[in-house]
């Protein structure tokens, strides 16, 4: 089986989400990587992608139309390429979730979303009902369009490969959308989806100032990324980029600390695969304690500053 992997990239480098997608793709067959971008950043990304273990060829589409990964333009690039491939694999990131459904629609096939395991050439496992059940699904389509839950697969080694880079061209700007602007937070902390340690806060933190005063010092001591429940995001404590949960980001760090988070099913779906979960909550019956490895029952405004001071 020939598999095309959509490369998620930024600043001339390959994102970790792509490495997990490549691991999933390697279970299916021969892996080629597609880099859609523009200029020096695209070239740098292609060079990095060529070094990933398991990638046999890199297709580089460098054009201003692909600079911002507009889904309408990138999907139009991918569809003709699929004549030579049996499957498209994309990480289940914002870009992947935006592009893959358009490709599936244009190919007139059913998308296989958020897979966590490859059982066979056309058989996969994926979570349903907010992760409370795992479905085994089999496709009968001639072409597969797949998005990968990156926490379900190990990252492919970023070095060790020596793939050739082949320049390709597409149809360019489809004229259906235009890039207006991007508002991105710049932080020295690790990326939330790839951090080894995550400290998340909930609505119990009262307001944005208190959230930062309690959560940030602990995260800084641990070198952790900061996450939040949907309730905290909706209340304006922190931007929605930090939301962990079914409608936010799926994380599986080695160490996850949930501060003032009750454990609604929506939040648990985004973090319950974490290796070690620590919950701090004043309610001993909070659902978060049912999955926590370590539970601290008490006032977070006392416990967290004490914990931070002792680190």
C-alpha atoms as a PDB file:
ATOM      1  CA  UNK A   1       0.000   0.000   0.000  1.00  0.00           C
ATOM      2  CA  UNK A   2       1.297   3.466  -0.917  1.00  0.00           C
ATOM      3  CA  UNK A   3       0.559   6.054   1.757  1.00  0.00           C
ATOM      4  CA  UNK A   4       0.786   9.846   1.521  1.00  0.00           C
ATOM      5  CA  UNK A   5       1.273  11.684   4.820  1.00  0.00           C
ATOM      6  CA  UNK A   6       0.347  15.350   5.118  1.00  0.00           C
ATOM      7  CA  UNK A   7       3.187  17.093   6.964  1.00  0.00           C
ATOM      8  CA  UNK A   8       2.199  19.486   9.745  1.00  0.00           C
ATOM      9  CA  UNK A   9       4.905  22.136   9.987  1.00  0.00           C
ATOM     10  CA  UNK A  10       5.767  25.580  11.313  1.00  0.00           C
ATOM     11  CA  UNK A  11       8.790  27.843  11.080  1.00  0.00           C
ATOM     12  CA  UNK A  12      10.636  25.528   8.738  1.00  0.00           C
ATOM     13  CA  UNK A  13      10.367  22.495  10.999  1.00  0.00           C
ATOM     14  CA  UNK A  14       8.224  19.371  11.216  1.00  0.00           C
ATOM     15  CA  UNK A  15       5.787  19.257  14.133  1.00  0.00           C
ATOM     16  CA  UNK A  16       5.684  16.271  16.460  1.00  0.00           C
ATOM     17  CA  UNK A  17       2.141  15.477  15.321  1.00  0.00           C
ATOM     18  CA  UNK A  18       3.568  14.486  11.938  1.00  0.00           C
ATOM     19  CA  UNK A  19       5.958  12.005  13.528  1.00  0.00           C
ATOM     20  CA  UNK A  20       3.046  10.150  15.143  1.00  0.00           C
ATOM     21  CA  UNK A  21       1.124  10.176  11.867  1.00  0.00           C
ATOM     22  CA  UNK A  22       4.141   8.649  10.108  1.00  0.00           C
ATOM     23  CA  UNK A  23       4.274   5.833  12.670  1.00  0.00           C
ATOM     24  CA  UNK A  24       0.635   5.047  11.860  1.00  0.00           C
ATOM     25  CA  UNK A  25       1.326   5.261   8.122  1.00  0.00           C
ATOM     26  CA  UNK A  26       4.289   2.864   8.361  1.00  0.00           C
ATOM     27  CA  UNK A  27       1.898   0.201   9.649  1.00  0.00           C
ATOM     28  CA  UNK A  28       0.036   0.478   6.332  1.00  0.00           C
ATOM     29  CA  UNK A  29       2.837   0.458   3.777  1.00  0.00           C
ATOM     30  CA  UNK A  30       5.298   2.633   1.870  1.00  0.00           C
ATOM     31  CA  UNK A  31       5.331   6.182   3.220  1.00  0.00           C
ATOM     32  CA  UNK A  32       5.713   9.365   1.190  1.00  0.00           C
ATOM     33  CA  UNK A  33       5.422  12.778   2.862  1.00  0.00           C
ATOM     34  CA  UNK A  34       3.771  15.841   1.384  1.00  0.00           C
ATOM     35  CA  UNK A  35       5.083  19.285   2.351  1.00  0.00           C
ATOM     36  CA  UNK A  36       2.813  22.115   1.209  1.00  0.00           C
ATOM     37  CA  UNK A  37       4.212  25.563   1.900  1.00  0.00           C
ATOM     38  CA  UNK A  38       6.192  28.386   0.383  1.00  0.00           C
ATOM     39  CA  UNK A  39       9.755  29.622   0.077  1.00  0.00           C
ATOM     40  CA  UNK A  40      12.608  28.861   2.432  1.00  0.00           C
ATOM     41  CA  UNK A  41      10.354  27.521   5.189  1.00  0.00           C
ATOM     42  CA  UNK A  42       8.895  24.902   2.853  1.00  0.00           C
ATOM     43  CA  UNK A  43      12.361  23.875   1.647  1.00  0.00           C
ATOM     44  CA  UNK A  44      13.645  23.616   5.208  1.00  0.00           C
ATOM     45  CA  UNK A  45      10.616  21.537   6.218  1.00  0.00           C
ATOM     46  CA  UNK A  46      11.129  19.204   3.262  1.00  0.00           C
ATOM     47  CA  UNK A  47      14.765  18.703   4.249  1.00  0.00           C
ATOM     48  CA  UNK A  48      13.704  17.855   7.797  1.00  0.00           C
ATOM     49  CA  UNK A  49      10.942  15.523   6.593  1.00  0.00           C
ATOM     50  CA  UNK A  50      13.440  13.652   4.403  1.00  0.00           C
ATOM     51  CA  UNK A  51      15.418  12.724   7.522  1.00  0.00           C
ATOM     52  CA  UNK A  52      12.472  11.101   9.308  1.00  0.00           C
ATOM     53  CA  UNK A  53      12.940   7.369   9.692  1.00  0.00           C
ATOM     54  CA  UNK A  54      10.514   5.468   7.483  1.00  0.00           C
ATOM     55  CA  UNK A  55       9.856   8.195   4.906  1.00  0.00           C
ATOM     56  CA  UNK A  56      10.891   7.016   1.433  1.00  0.00           C
ATOM     57  CA  UNK A  57      10.091  10.162  -0.568  1.00  0.00           C
ATOM     58  CA  UNK A  58       9.154  13.774   0.139  1.00  0.00           C
ATOM     59  CA  UNK A  59       6.902  15.698  -2.229  1.00  0.00           C
ATOM     60  CA  UNK A  60       7.479  19.445  -1.975  1.00  0.00           C
ATOM     61  CA  UNK A  61       4.792  21.810  -3.235  1.00  0.00           C
ATOM     62  CA  UNK A  62       6.191  25.327  -2.841  1.00  0.00           C
ATOM     63  CA  UNK A  63       3.751  28.054  -3.833  1.00  0.00           C
ATOM     64  CA  UNK A  64       2.380  31.203  -2.160  1.00  0.00           C
ATOM     65  CA  UNK A  65      -1.053  29.555  -2.320  1.00  0.00           C
ATOM     66  CA  UNK A  66       0.112  26.947   0.207  1.00  0.00           C
ATOM     67  CA  UNK A  67       1.948  29.291   2.569  1.00  0.00           C
ATOM     68  CA  UNK A  68      -0.828  29.293   5.171  1.00  0.00           C
ATOM     69  CA  UNK A  69      -2.193  25.782   4.555  1.00  0.00           C
ATOM     70  CA  UNK A  70      -5.590  27.013   3.408  1.00  0.00           C
ATOM     71  CA  UNK A  71      -7.713  23.890   3.253  1.00  0.00           C
ATOM     72  CA  UNK A  72      -9.325  24.704  -0.077  1.00  0.00           C
ATOM     73  CA  UNK A  73      -5.943  25.073  -1.782  1.00  0.00           C
ATOM     74  CA  UNK A  74      -4.191  22.134  -0.123  1.00  0.00           C
ATOM     75  CA  UNK A  75      -7.082  19.720  -0.709  1.00  0.00           C
ATOM     76  CA  UNK A  76      -7.060  20.667  -4.402  1.00  0.00           C
ATOM     77  CA  UNK A  77      -3.340  19.848  -4.429  1.00  0.00           C
ATOM     78  CA  UNK A  78      -3.809  16.459  -2.766  1.00  0.00           C
ATOM     79  CA  UNK A  79      -6.730  15.045  -4.758  1.00  0.00           C
ATOM     80  CA  UNK A  80      -4.847  14.599  -8.085  1.00  0.00           C
ATOM     81  CA  UNK A  81      -1.910  13.071  -6.195  1.00  0.00           C
ATOM     82  CA  UNK A  82      -4.181  10.387  -4.753  1.00  0.00           C
ATOM     83  CA  UNK A  83      -4.246   8.655  -8.159  1.00  0.00           C
ATOM     84  CA  UNK A  84      -0.885   7.210  -7.125  1.00  0.00           C
ATOM     85  CA  UNK A  85      -1.709   6.462  -3.495  1.00  0.00           C
ATOM     86  CA  UNK A  86      -3.998   4.102  -1.615  1.00  0.00           C
ATOM     87  CA  UNK A  87      -4.298   6.240   1.521  1.00  0.00           C
ATOM     88  CA  UNK A  88      -3.908   9.771   2.824  1.00  0.00           C
ATOM     89  CA  UNK A  89      -2.881  10.046   6.463  1.00  0.00           C
ATOM     90  CA  UNK A  90      -3.032  13.355   8.335  1.00  0.00           C
ATOM     91  CA  UNK A  91      -2.539  14.156  12.020  1.00  0.00           C
ATOM     92  CA  UNK A  92      -5.792  15.081  13.762  1.00  0.00           C
ATOM     93  CA  UNK A  93      -4.708  18.686  14.251  1.00  0.00           C
ATOM     94  CA  UNK A  94      -6.633  21.791  13.255  1.00  0.00           C
ATOM     95  CA  UNK A  95      -5.083  21.649   9.784  1.00  0.00           C
ATOM     96  CA  UNK A  96      -5.584  17.914   9.422  1.00  0.00           C
ATOM     97  CA  UNK A  97      -9.215  18.108  10.501  1.00  0.00           C
ATOM     98  CA  UNK A  98      -9.736  20.974   8.069  1.00  0.00           C
ATOM     99  CA  UNK A  99      -8.088  19.427   5.015  1.00  0.00           C
ATOM    100  CA  UNK A 100      -8.827  15.690   5.257  1.00  0.00           C
ATOM    101  CA  UNK A 101     -12.658  15.952   5.102  1.00  0.00           C
ATOM    102  CA  UNK A 102     -12.420  18.054   1.948  1.00  0.00           C
ATOM    103  CA  UNK A 103     -10.156  15.474   0.334  1.00  0.00           C
ATOM    104  CA  UNK A 104     -12.539  12.671   1.341  1.00  0.00           C
ATOM    105  CA  UNK A 105     -15.499  14.554  -0.120  1.00  0.00           C
ATOM    106  CA  UNK A 106     -13.708  15.239  -3.395  1.00  0.00           C
ATOM    107  CA  UNK A 107     -12.701  11.568  -3.637  1.00  0.00           C
ATOM    108  CA  UNK A 108     -16.229  10.506  -2.639  1.00  0.00           C
ATOM    109  CA  UNK A 109     -15.009   8.256   0.179  1.00  0.00           C
ATOM    110  CA  UNK A 110     -15.746   7.998   3.883  1.00  0.00           C
ATOM    111  CA  UNK A 111     -13.147   9.519   6.228  1.00  0.00           C
ATOM    112  CA  UNK A 112     -11.737   7.413   9.066  1.00  0.00           C
ATOM    113  CA  UNK A 113     -11.311   9.917  11.899  1.00  0.00           C
ATOM    114  CA  UNK A 114      -9.082   9.980  14.948  1.00  0.00           C
ATOM    115  CA  UNK A 115      -7.699   6.443  14.733  1.00  0.00           C
ATOM    116  CA  UNK A 116      -5.667   5.138  17.672  1.00  0.00           C
ATOM    117  CA  UNK A 117      -4.537   1.783  16.237  1.00  0.00           C
ATOM    118  CA  UNK A 118      -4.032   0.024  12.911  1.00  0.00           C
ATOM    119  CA  UNK A 119      -5.490  -3.494  12.989  1.00  0.00           C
ATOM    120  CA  UNK A 120      -5.113  -4.319   9.293  1.00  0.00           C
ATOM    121  CA  UNK A 121      -4.822  -2.797   5.814  1.00  0.00           C
ATOM    122  CA  UNK A 122      -8.318  -1.324   6.083  1.00  0.00           C
ATOM    123  CA  UNK A 123      -9.206  -1.993   9.717  1.00  0.00           C
ATOM    124  CA  UNK A 124      -8.660   0.548  12.492  1.00  0.00           C
ATOM    125  CA  UNK A 125      -9.618   1.347  16.061  1.00  0.00           C
ATOM    126  CA  UNK A 126     -11.017   4.721  17.062  1.00  0.00           C
ATOM    127  CA  UNK A 127     -12.630   6.166  20.198  1.00  0.00           C
ATOM    128  CA  UNK A 128     -16.351   6.959  20.254  1.00  0.00           C
ATOM    129  CA  UNK A 129     -18.704   8.406  22.884  1.00  0.00           C
ATOM    130  CA  UNK A 130     -16.021  10.791  24.179  1.00  0.00           C
ATOM    131  CA  UNK A 131     -13.563   7.936  24.522  1.00  0.00           C
ATOM    132  CA  UNK A 132     -15.821   5.752  26.663  1.00  0.00           C
ATOM    133  CA  UNK A 133     -15.882   3.070  23.974  1.00  0.00           C
ATOM    134  CA  UNK A 134     -13.453   1.971  21.285  1.00  0.00           C
ATOM    135  CA  UNK A 135     -14.882   1.015  17.895  1.00  0.00           C
ATOM    136  CA  UNK A 136     -13.161  -1.256  15.396  1.00  0.00           C
ATOM    137  CA  UNK A 137     -14.004  -0.021  11.904  1.00  0.00           C
ATOM    138  CA  UNK A 138     -13.267  -1.423   8.458  1.00  0.00           C
ATOM    139  CA  UNK A 139     -13.397   0.553   5.235  1.00  0.00           C
ATOM    140  CA  UNK A 140     -14.636  -0.799   1.909  1.00  0.00           C
ATOM    141  CA  UNK A 141     -13.518   2.278  -0.050  1.00  0.00           C
ATOM    142  CA  UNK A 142     -10.824   2.007  -2.697  1.00  0.00           C
ATOM    143  CA  UNK A 143      -8.997   5.006  -1.225  1.00  0.00           C
ATOM    144  CA  UNK A 144      -8.521   5.693   2.483  1.00  0.00           C
ATOM    145  CA  UNK A 145      -8.552   9.139   4.081  1.00  0.00           C
ATOM    146  CA  UNK A 146      -7.412   8.898   7.695  1.00  0.00           C
ATOM    147  CA  UNK A 147      -6.781  11.296  10.563  1.00  0.00           C
ATOM    148  CA  UNK A 148      -4.592  10.073  13.406  1.00  0.00           C
ATOM    149  CA  UNK A 149      -4.966  10.818  17.095  1.00  0.00           C
ATOM    150  CA  UNK A 150      -1.324  11.570  17.742  1.00  0.00           C
ATOM    151  CA  UNK A 151      -1.370  10.442  21.384  1.00  0.00           C
ATOM    152  CA  UNK A 152      -2.203   6.928  20.165  1.00  0.00           C
ATOM    153  CA  UNK A 153       1.085   6.397  18.319  1.00  0.00           C
ATOM    154  CA  UNK A 154       4.737   6.746  19.257  1.00  0.00           C
ATOM    155  CA  UNK A 155       6.701   9.424  17.433  1.00  0.00           C
ATOM    156  CA  UNK A 156       8.794   8.195  14.518  1.00  0.00           C
ATOM    157  CA  UNK A 157      12.511   9.018  14.911  1.00  0.00           C
ATOM    158  CA  UNK A 158      13.169  12.440  13.413  1.00  0.00           C
ATOM    159  CA  UNK A 159      16.542  11.304  12.102  1.00  0.00           C
ATOM    160  CA  UNK A 160      17.854   8.210  10.381  1.00  0.00           C
ATOM    161  CA  UNK A 161      16.125   8.621   7.033  1.00  0.00           C
ATOM    162  CA  UNK A 162      17.526   9.807   3.735  1.00  0.00           C
ATOM    163  CA  UNK A 163      14.530  10.288   1.462  1.00  0.00           C
ATOM    164  CA  UNK A 164      14.708  12.068  -1.872  1.00  0.00           C
ATOM    165  CA  UNK A 165      12.869  15.392  -2.187  1.00  0.00           C
ATOM    166  CA  UNK A 166      10.789  15.806  -5.341  1.00  0.00           C
ATOM    167  CA  UNK A 167       9.365  19.191  -6.309  1.00  0.00           C
ATOM    168  CA  UNK A 168       5.770  19.087  -7.523  1.00  0.00           C
ATOM    169  CA  UNK A 169       3.256  21.691  -8.616  1.00  0.00           C
ATOM    170  CA  UNK A 170      -0.456  22.001  -8.011  1.00  0.00           C
ATOM    171  CA  UNK A 171      -3.312  24.136  -9.210  1.00  0.00           C
ATOM    172  CA  UNK A 172      -2.302  26.981  -6.886  1.00  0.00           C
ATOM    173  CA  UNK A 173      -4.921  29.325  -5.490  1.00  0.00           C
ATOM    174  CA  UNK A 174      -8.410  27.851  -5.793  1.00  0.00           C
ATOM    175  CA  UNK A 175      -9.905  31.307  -5.272  1.00  0.00           C
ATOM    176  CA  UNK A 176     -12.307  30.057  -2.605  1.00  0.00           C
ATOM    177  CA  UNK A 177     -10.671  31.572   0.454  1.00  0.00           C
ATOM    178  CA  UNK A 178      -7.970  34.034   1.437  1.00  0.00           C
ATOM    179  CA  UNK A 179      -5.666  34.366   4.408  1.00  0.00           C
ATOM    180  CA  UNK A 180      -6.532  37.432   6.499  1.00  0.00           C
ATOM    181  CA  UNK A 181      -4.365  37.143   9.597  1.00  0.00           C
ATOM    182  CA  UNK A 182      -3.200  34.982  12.463  1.00  0.00           C
ATOM    183  CA  UNK A 183      -3.267  35.665  16.177  1.00  0.00           C
ATOM    184  CA  UNK A 184      -0.831  33.343  17.896  1.00  0.00           C
ATOM    185  CA  UNK A 185       0.452  33.328  21.445  1.00  0.00           C
ATOM    186  CA  UNK A 186       4.220  33.164  21.794  1.00  0.00           C
ATOM    187  CA  UNK A 187       5.331  31.239  24.850  1.00  0.00           C
ATOM    188  CA  UNK A 188       8.584  29.827  26.145  1.00  0.00           C
ATOM    189  CA  UNK A 189       6.672  26.923  27.647  1.00  0.00           C
ATOM    190  CA  UNK A 190       6.461  23.556  25.837  1.00  0.00           C
ATOM    191  CA  UNK A 191       3.735  22.965  23.269  1.00  0.00           C
ATOM    192  CA  UNK A 192       0.649  21.609  25.026  1.00  0.00           C
ATOM    193  CA  UNK A 193       0.185  18.573  22.793  1.00  0.00           C
ATOM    194  CA  UNK A 194       3.787  17.383  23.057  1.00  0.00           C
ATOM    195  CA  UNK A 195       4.762  18.437  26.603  1.00  0.00           C
ATOM    196  CA  UNK A 196       5.994  15.809  29.064  1.00  0.00           C
ATOM    197  CA  UNK A 197       4.257  17.610  31.936  1.00  0.00           C
ATOM    198  CA  UNK A 198       0.964  19.524  31.821  1.00  0.00           C
ATOM    199  CA  UNK A 199      -0.620  21.606  34.581  1.00  0.00           C
ATOM    200  CA  UNK A 200      -4.286  22.377  33.952  1.00  0.00           C
ATOM    201  CA  UNK A 201      -6.657  24.650  35.835  1.00  0.00           C
ATOM    202  CA  UNK A 202     -10.432  24.721  36.084  1.00  0.00           C
ATOM    203  CA  UNK A 203     -13.249  27.116  36.825  1.00  0.00           C
ATOM    204  CA  UNK A 204     -12.555  26.928  40.576  1.00  0.00           C
ATOM    205  CA  UNK A 205      -9.640  29.344  40.033  1.00  0.00           C
ATOM    206  CA  UNK A 206     -12.175  32.227  40.009  1.00  0.00           C
ATOM    207  CA  UNK A 207     -10.655  34.599  37.402  1.00  0.00           C
ATOM    208  CA  UNK A 208      -7.811  35.093  34.924  1.00  0.00           C
ATOM    209  CA  UNK A 209      -5.496  36.798  37.431  1.00  0.00           C
ATOM    210  CA  UNK A 210      -5.926  34.045  40.003  1.00  0.00           C
ATOM    211  CA  UNK A 211      -5.472  31.376  37.333  1.00  0.00           C
ATOM    212  CA  UNK A 212      -2.088  32.798  36.368  1.00  0.00           C
ATOM    213  CA  UNK A 213      -1.049  33.410  39.970  1.00  0.00           C
ATOM    214  CA  UNK A 214      -1.745  29.804  40.984  1.00  0.00           C
ATOM    215  CA  UNK A 215      -1.016  27.764  37.858  1.00  0.00           C
ATOM    216  CA  UNK A 216       1.896  29.611  36.210  1.00  0.00           C
ATOM    217  CA  UNK A 217       4.430  29.327  39.098  1.00  0.00           C
ATOM    218  CA  UNK A 218       3.813  25.583  39.398  1.00  0.00           C
ATOM    219  CA  UNK A 219       4.126  25.114  35.638  1.00  0.00           C
ATOM    220  CA  UNK A 220       7.350  27.130  35.606  1.00  0.00           C
ATOM    221  CA  UNK A 221       8.858  24.995  38.379  1.00  0.00           C
ATOM    222  CA  UNK A 222       8.016  21.798  36.492  1.00  0.00           C
ATOM    223  CA  UNK A 223       8.867  23.075  33.000  1.00  0.00           C
ATOM    224  CA  UNK A 224       5.287  22.252  32.106  1.00  0.00           C
ATOM    225  CA  UNK A 225       2.742  23.379  29.552  1.00  0.00           C
ATOM    226  CA  UNK A 226      -0.422  25.041  30.830  1.00  0.00           C
ATOM    227  CA  UNK A 227      -3.837  23.611  30.029  1.00  0.00           C
ATOM    228  CA  UNK A 228      -7.372  24.399  31.085  1.00  0.00           C
ATOM    229  CA  UNK A 229     -10.850  22.947  31.220  1.00  0.00           C
ATOM    230  CA  UNK A 230     -13.519  24.209  28.840  1.00  0.00           C
ATOM    231  CA  UNK A 231     -15.250  25.953  31.755  1.00  0.00           C
ATOM    232  CA  UNK A 232     -12.088  27.928  32.510  1.00  0.00           C
ATOM    233  CA  UNK A 233     -11.682  28.880  28.849  1.00  0.00           C
ATOM    234  CA  UNK A 234     -15.333  29.886  28.508  1.00  0.00           C
ATOM    235  CA  UNK A 235     -14.989  32.031  31.631  1.00  0.00           C
ATOM    236  CA  UNK A 236     -12.091  33.900  30.008  1.00  0.00           C
ATOM    237  CA  UNK A 237      -9.344  32.726  32.363  1.00  0.00           C
ATOM    238  CA  UNK A 238      -7.079  31.727  29.449  1.00  0.00           C
ATOM    239  CA  UNK A 239      -7.207  31.503  25.654  1.00  0.00           C
ATOM    240  CA  UNK A 240      -8.918  28.561  23.948  1.00  0.00           C
ATOM    241  CA  UNK A 241      -5.509  27.389  22.626  1.00  0.00           C
ATOM    242  CA  UNK A 242      -5.030  25.934  26.107  1.00  0.00           C
ATOM    243  CA  UNK A 243      -8.277  23.967  26.276  1.00  0.00           C
ATOM    244  CA  UNK A 244      -7.860  20.267  26.984  1.00  0.00           C
ATOM    245  CA  UNK A 245     -10.787  18.036  26.142  1.00  0.00           C
ATOM    246  CA  UNK A 246     -13.013  16.545  23.508  1.00  0.00           C
ATOM    247  CA  UNK A 247     -13.499  19.909  21.775  1.00  0.00           C
ATOM    248  CA  UNK A 248     -10.007  21.116  22.635  1.00  0.00           C
ATOM    249  CA  UNK A 249      -6.626  19.403  22.514  1.00  0.00           C
ATOM    250  CA  UNK A 250      -5.969  15.729  23.235  1.00  0.00           C
ATOM    251  CA  UNK A 251      -2.913  15.283  25.442  1.00  0.00           C
ATOM    252  CA  UNK A 252      -1.131  12.285  26.928  1.00  0.00           C
ATOM    253  CA  UNK A 253       1.844  13.609  28.905  1.00  0.00           C
ATOM    254  CA  UNK A 254       3.910  11.615  31.343  1.00  0.00           C
ATOM    255  CA  UNK A 255       2.549  13.745  34.195  1.00  0.00           C
ATOM    256  CA  UNK A 256      -0.788  15.604  34.264  1.00  0.00           C
ATOM    257  CA  UNK A 257      -1.877  17.815  37.161  1.00  0.00           C
ATOM    258  CA  UNK A 258      -5.540  18.830  37.265  1.00  0.00           C
ATOM    259  CA  UNK A 259      -6.142  21.772  39.587  1.00  0.00           C
ATOM    260  CA  UNK A 260      -9.725  22.667  40.478  1.00  0.00           C
ATOM    261  CA  UNK A 261     -11.108  20.501  37.675  1.00  0.00           C
ATOM    262  CA  UNK A 262     -14.118  18.357  38.584  1.00  0.00           C
ATOM    263  CA  UNK A 263     -13.615  15.910  35.726  1.00  0.00           C
ATOM    264  CA  UNK A 264     -16.478  16.366  33.295  1.00  0.00           C
ATOM    265  CA  UNK A 265     -16.533  13.689  30.615  1.00  0.00           C
ATOM    266  CA  UNK A 266     -15.574  16.273  27.975  1.00  0.00           C
ATOM    267  CA  UNK A 267     -12.333  17.052  29.822  1.00  0.00           C
ATOM    268  CA  UNK A 268     -11.513  13.441  30.677  1.00  0.00           C
ATOM    269  CA  UNK A 269     -11.706  12.527  26.990  1.00  0.00           C
ATOM    270  CA  UNK A 270      -8.752  14.839  26.363  1.00  0.00           C
ATOM    271  CA  UNK A 271      -6.340  13.695  29.067  1.00  0.00           C
ATOM    272  CA  UNK A 272      -7.219  10.303  30.513  1.00  0.00           C
ATOM    273  CA  UNK A 273      -4.402   8.587  28.584  1.00  0.00           C
ATOM    274  CA  UNK A 274      -1.818  10.535  30.589  1.00  0.00           C
ATOM    275  CA  UNK A 275       0.723   8.256  32.275  1.00  0.00           C
ATOM    276  CA  UNK A 276       0.317   9.719  35.787  1.00  0.00           C
ATOM    277  CA  UNK A 277      -2.646  11.907  36.766  1.00  0.00           C
ATOM    278  CA  UNK A 278      -2.677  14.078  39.884  1.00  0.00           C
ATOM    279  CA  UNK A 279      -5.970  15.700  40.902  1.00  0.00           C
ATOM    280  CA  UNK A 280      -6.361  18.547  43.370  1.00  0.00           C
ATOM    281  CA  UNK A 281      -9.968  19.321  44.301  1.00  0.00           C
ATOM    282  CA  UNK A 282     -11.921  20.170  47.452  1.00  0.00           C
ATOM    283  CA  UNK A 283     -14.773  17.821  46.505  1.00  0.00           C
ATOM    284  CA  UNK A 284     -13.871  14.224  47.450  1.00  0.00           C
ATOM    285  CA  UNK A 285     -16.617  12.945  45.137  1.00  0.00           C
ATOM    286  CA  UNK A 286     -15.360  14.798  42.037  1.00  0.00           C
ATOM    287  CA  UNK A 287     -15.265  12.440  39.014  1.00  0.00           C
ATOM    288  CA  UNK A 288     -11.610  13.342  38.359  1.00  0.00           C
ATOM    289  CA  UNK A 289     -10.603  11.201  41.351  1.00  0.00           C
ATOM    290  CA  UNK A 290     -11.953   8.076  39.632  1.00  0.00           C
ATOM    291  CA  UNK A 291      -9.133   8.174  37.076  1.00  0.00           C
ATOM    292  CA  UNK A 292      -6.463   9.974  39.121  1.00  0.00           C
ATOM    293  CA  UNK A 293      -3.381   8.065  40.252  1.00  0.00           C
ATOM    294  CA  UNK A 294      -2.856  10.570  43.070  1.00  0.00           C
ATOM    295  CA  UNK A 295      -5.672  12.605  44.615  1.00  0.00           C
ATOM    296  CA  UNK A 296      -5.325  15.571  46.967  1.00  0.00           C
ATOM    297  CA  UNK A 297      -8.576  16.638  48.634  1.00  0.00           C
ATOM    298  CA  UNK A 298      -8.415  20.170  49.910  1.00  0.00           C
ATOM    299  CA  UNK A 299      -8.302  23.875  49.170  1.00  0.00           C
ATOM    300  CA  UNK A 300      -6.277  24.409  45.994  1.00  0.00           C
ATOM    301  CA  UNK A 301      -5.439  27.953  47.086  1.00  0.00           C
ATOM    302  CA  UNK A 302      -3.482  26.418  49.977  1.00  0.00           C
ATOM    303  CA  UNK A 303      -2.229  23.161  48.462  1.00  0.00           C
ATOM    304  CA  UNK A 304      -0.840  24.465  45.154  1.00  0.00           C
ATOM    305  CA  UNK A 305       1.267  27.335  46.598  1.00  0.00           C
ATOM    306  CA  UNK A 306       2.664  24.917  49.222  1.00  0.00           C
ATOM    307  CA  UNK A 307       3.466  22.365  46.530  1.00  0.00           C
ATOM    308  CA  UNK A 308       5.124  25.033  44.377  1.00  0.00           C
ATOM    309  CA  UNK A 309       7.199  26.274  47.296  1.00  0.00           C
ATOM    310  CA  UNK A 310       8.514  22.783  48.038  1.00  0.00           C
ATOM    311  CA  UNK A 311       9.674  22.093  44.469  1.00  0.00           C
END
